[in-house]
C-alpha atoms as a PDB file:
ATOM      1  CA  MET A   1      20.808  -3.027 -26.896  1.00  0.00           C
ATOM      2  CA  PRO A   2      18.619  -2.755 -30.021  1.00  0.00           C
ATOM      3  CA  ALA A   3      15.966  -0.038 -29.910  1.00  0.00           C
ATOM      4  CA  GLY A   4      13.152  -2.495 -30.718  1.00  0.00           C
ATOM      5  CA  THR A   5      13.956  -4.663 -27.688  1.00  0.00           C
ATOM      6  CA  HIS A   6      14.023  -1.654 -25.361  1.00  0.00           C
ATOM      7  CA  VAL A   7      10.619  -0.438 -26.565  1.00  0.00           C
ATOM      8  CA  GLY A   8       9.100  -3.940 -26.139  1.00  0.00           C
ATOM      9  CA  VAL A   9      10.271  -4.193 -22.536  1.00  0.00           C
ATOM     10  CA  GLY A  10       8.877  -0.753 -21.702  1.00  0.00           C
ATOM     11  CA  ALA A  11       5.505  -1.585 -23.255  1.00  0.00           C
ATOM     12  CA  GLY A  12       5.284  -4.848 -21.292  1.00  0.00           C
ATOM     13  CA  MET A  13       6.103  -3.098 -18.035  1.00  0.00           C
ATOM     14  CA  THR A  14       3.440  -0.484 -18.728  1.00  0.00           C
ATOM     15  CA  ALA A  15       0.787  -3.182 -19.139  1.00  0.00           C
ATOM     16  CA  ALA A  16       1.940  -4.867 -15.933  1.00  0.00           C
ATOM     17  CA  ASN A  17       1.821  -1.502 -14.178  1.00  0.00           C
ATOM     18  CA  LYS A  18      -1.765  -0.877 -15.284  1.00  0.00           C
ATOM     19  CA  ILE A  19      -2.832  -4.361 -14.213  1.00  0.00           C
ATOM     20  CA  LEU A  20      -1.222  -3.919 -10.798  1.00  0.00           C
ATOM     21  CA  ILE A  21      -2.865  -0.532 -10.297  1.00  0.00           C
ATOM     22  CA  ILE A  22      -6.307  -1.831 -11.281  1.00  0.00           C
ATOM     23  CA  ALA A  23      -5.904  -4.911  -9.062  1.00  0.00           C
ATOM     24  CA  GLY A  24      -4.659  -2.791  -6.159  1.00  0.00           C
ATOM     25  CA  VAL A  25      -7.538  -0.332  -6.348  1.00  0.00           C
ATOM     26  CA  ALA A  26     -10.070  -3.163  -6.733  1.00  0.00           C
ATOM     27  CA  LEU A  27      -8.643  -4.954  -3.688  1.00  0.00           C
ATOM     28  CA  LEU A  28      -8.657  -1.781  -1.598  1.00  0.00           C
ATOM     29  CA  LEU A  29     -12.259  -1.005  -2.533  1.00  0.00           C
ATOM     30  CA  GLY A  30     -13.228  -4.634  -1.953  1.00  0.00           C
ATOM     31  CA  GLY A  31     -11.578  -4.578   1.475  1.00  0.00           C
ATOM     32  CA  VAL A  32     -13.445  -1.445   2.452  1.00  0.00           C
ATOM     33  CA  GLY A  33     -16.684  -3.013   1.213  1.00  0.00           C
ATOM     34  CA  LEU A  34     -16.021  -6.150   3.230  1.00  0.00           C
ATOM     35  CA  GLY A  35     -15.287  -4.015   6.267  1.00  0.00           C
ATOM     36  CA  PHE A  36     -18.735  -2.435   6.123  1.00  0.00           C
ATOM     37  CA  ARG A  37     -20.526  -5.731   5.432  1.00  0.00           C
ATOM     38  CA  SER A  38     -22.673  -6.825   8.354  1.00  0.00           C
ATOM     39  CA  VAL A  39     -21.926 -10.179  10.006  1.00  0.00           C
ATOM     40  CA  SER A  40     -24.041 -12.265  12.343  1.00  0.00           C
ATOM     41  CA  ALA A  41     -23.448 -15.050  14.836  1.00  0.00           C
ATOM     42  CA  THR A  42     -26.197 -17.473  15.883  1.00  0.00           C
ATOM     43  CA  GLY A  43     -28.884 -15.140  14.607  1.00  0.00           C
ATOM     44  CA  VAL A  44     -27.479 -12.041  16.356  1.00  0.00           C
ATOM     45  CA  ASN A  45     -26.511  -9.072  14.194  1.00  0.00           C
ATOM     46  CA  CYS A  46     -22.909  -8.257  15.139  1.00  0.00           C
ATOM     47  CA  GLY A  47     -22.567  -5.210  12.948  1.00  0.00           C
ATOM     48  CA  SER A  48     -19.515  -4.778  10.742  1.00  0.00           C
ATOM     49  CA  VAL A  49     -15.777  -4.786  11.259  1.00  0.00           C
ATOM     50  CA  PHE A  50     -15.629  -0.994  11.087  1.00  0.00           C
ATOM     51  CA  GLN A  51     -18.728  -0.432  13.232  1.00  0.00           C
ATOM     52  CA  PRO A  52     -19.812  -3.242  15.576  1.00  0.00           C
ATOM     53  CA  ALA A  53     -23.484  -3.232  16.581  1.00  0.00           C
ATOM     54  CA  ALA A  54     -24.383  -1.427  19.790  1.00  0.00           C
ATOM     55  CA  GLY A  55     -25.524  -3.473  22.772  1.00  0.00           C
ATOM     56  CA  ILE A  56     -24.208  -6.853  21.611  1.00  0.00           C
ATOM     57  CA  THR A  57     -22.688  -9.350  23.995  1.00  0.00           C
ATOM     58  CA  PRO A  58     -18.988  -9.243  23.104  1.00  0.00           C
ATOM     59  CA  MET A  59     -18.372 -12.976  23.389  1.00  0.00           C
ATOM     60  CA  ALA A  60     -21.236 -13.812  21.044  1.00  0.00           C
ATOM     61  CA  CYS A  61     -19.659 -11.911  18.151  1.00  0.00           C
ATOM     62  CA  ASP A  62     -15.932 -11.835  18.899  1.00  0.00           C
ATOM     63  CA  GLY A  63     -15.068 -14.812  16.722  1.00  0.00           C
ATOM     64  CA  ARG A  64     -17.041 -13.638  13.710  1.00  0.00           C
ATOM     65  CA  LEU A  65     -15.788 -10.061  13.948  1.00  0.00           C
ATOM     66  CA  ASN A  66     -12.191 -11.247  14.408  1.00  0.00           C
ATOM     67  CA  ASN A  67     -12.435 -13.532  11.376  1.00  0.00           C
ATOM     68  CA  SER A  68     -13.966 -10.767   9.279  1.00  0.00           C
ATOM     69  CA  GLY A  69     -11.342  -8.326  10.520  1.00  0.00           C
ATOM     70  CA  THR A  70      -8.586 -10.709   9.480  1.00  0.00           C
ATOM     71  CA  ILE A  71     -10.056 -11.110   5.997  1.00  0.00           C
ATOM     72  CA  VAL A  72     -10.497  -7.344   5.597  1.00  0.00           C
ATOM     73  CA  THR A  73      -6.905  -6.771   6.729  1.00  0.00           C
ATOM     74  CA  LEU A  74      -5.543  -9.361   4.288  1.00  0.00           C
ATOM     75  CA  VAL A  75      -7.477  -7.891   1.355  1.00  0.00           C
ATOM     76  CA  LEU A  76      -6.374  -4.341   2.201  1.00  0.00           C
ATOM     77  CA  VAL A  77      -2.736  -5.424   2.572  1.00  0.00           C
ATOM     78  CA  ALA A  78      -2.914  -7.275  -0.754  1.00  0.00           C
ATOM     79  CA  GLY A  79      -4.239  -4.106  -2.407  1.00  0.00           C
ATOM     80  CA  ALA A  80      -1.490  -2.004  -0.845  1.00  0.00           C
ATOM     81  CA  LEU A  81       1.124  -4.520  -2.011  1.00  0.00           C
ATOM     82  CA  CYS A  82      -0.230  -4.365  -5.564  1.00  0.00           C
ATOM     83  CA  LEU A  83      -0.004  -0.579  -5.549  1.00  0.00           C
ATOM     84  CA  ALA A  84       3.529  -0.744  -4.097  1.00  0.00           C
ATOM     85  CA  ALA A  85       4.490  -3.207  -6.826  1.00  0.00           C
ATOM     86  CA  ALA A  86       3.029  -0.849  -9.445  1.00  0.00           C
ATOM     87  CA  LEU A  87       5.158   1.952  -8.032  1.00  0.00           C
ATOM     88  CA  ALA A  88       8.237  -0.294  -8.142  1.00  0.00           C
ATOM     89  CA  VAL A  89       7.506  -1.202 -11.772  1.00  0.00           C
ATOM     90  CA  LYS A  90       7.197   2.488 -12.631  1.00  0.00           C
ATOM     91  CA  VAL A  91      10.495   3.327 -10.917  1.00  0.00           C
ATOM     92  CA  LEU A  92      12.240   0.444 -12.698  1.00  0.00           C
ATOM     93  CA  ARG A  93      10.746   1.465 -16.031  1.00  0.00           C
ATOM     94  CA  ASP A  94      11.916   5.054 -15.545  1.00  0.00           C
ATOM     95  CA  ARG A  95      15.429   3.913 -14.656  1.00  0.00           C
ATOM     96  CA  VAL A  96      15.628   1.606 -17.655  1.00  0.00           C
ATOM     97  CA  ALA A  97      14.387   4.359 -19.941  1.00  0.00           C
ATOM     98  CA  ALA A  98      16.953   6.847 -18.626  1.00  0.00           C
END
């Protein structure tokens, strides 16, 4: 394989790695932010996914908290998948370079 082609592939994988890391960290931070965001149902403050409000009637807020919990979980999983993909790109790049 020509040396120029090998260097081009490594540079492209490095850019992809940086993009995946930035996206993963942004998604993780966004998921945590969404988890602390307060939700309400029919004018009642339900609290947040990570800390529901004290003294609320559970049935009044269950749907909203469950929906928010699902969204937070999906965003956090997406961030973790981006970071796992970045790790996979790094491992592949190291194996190609070796």
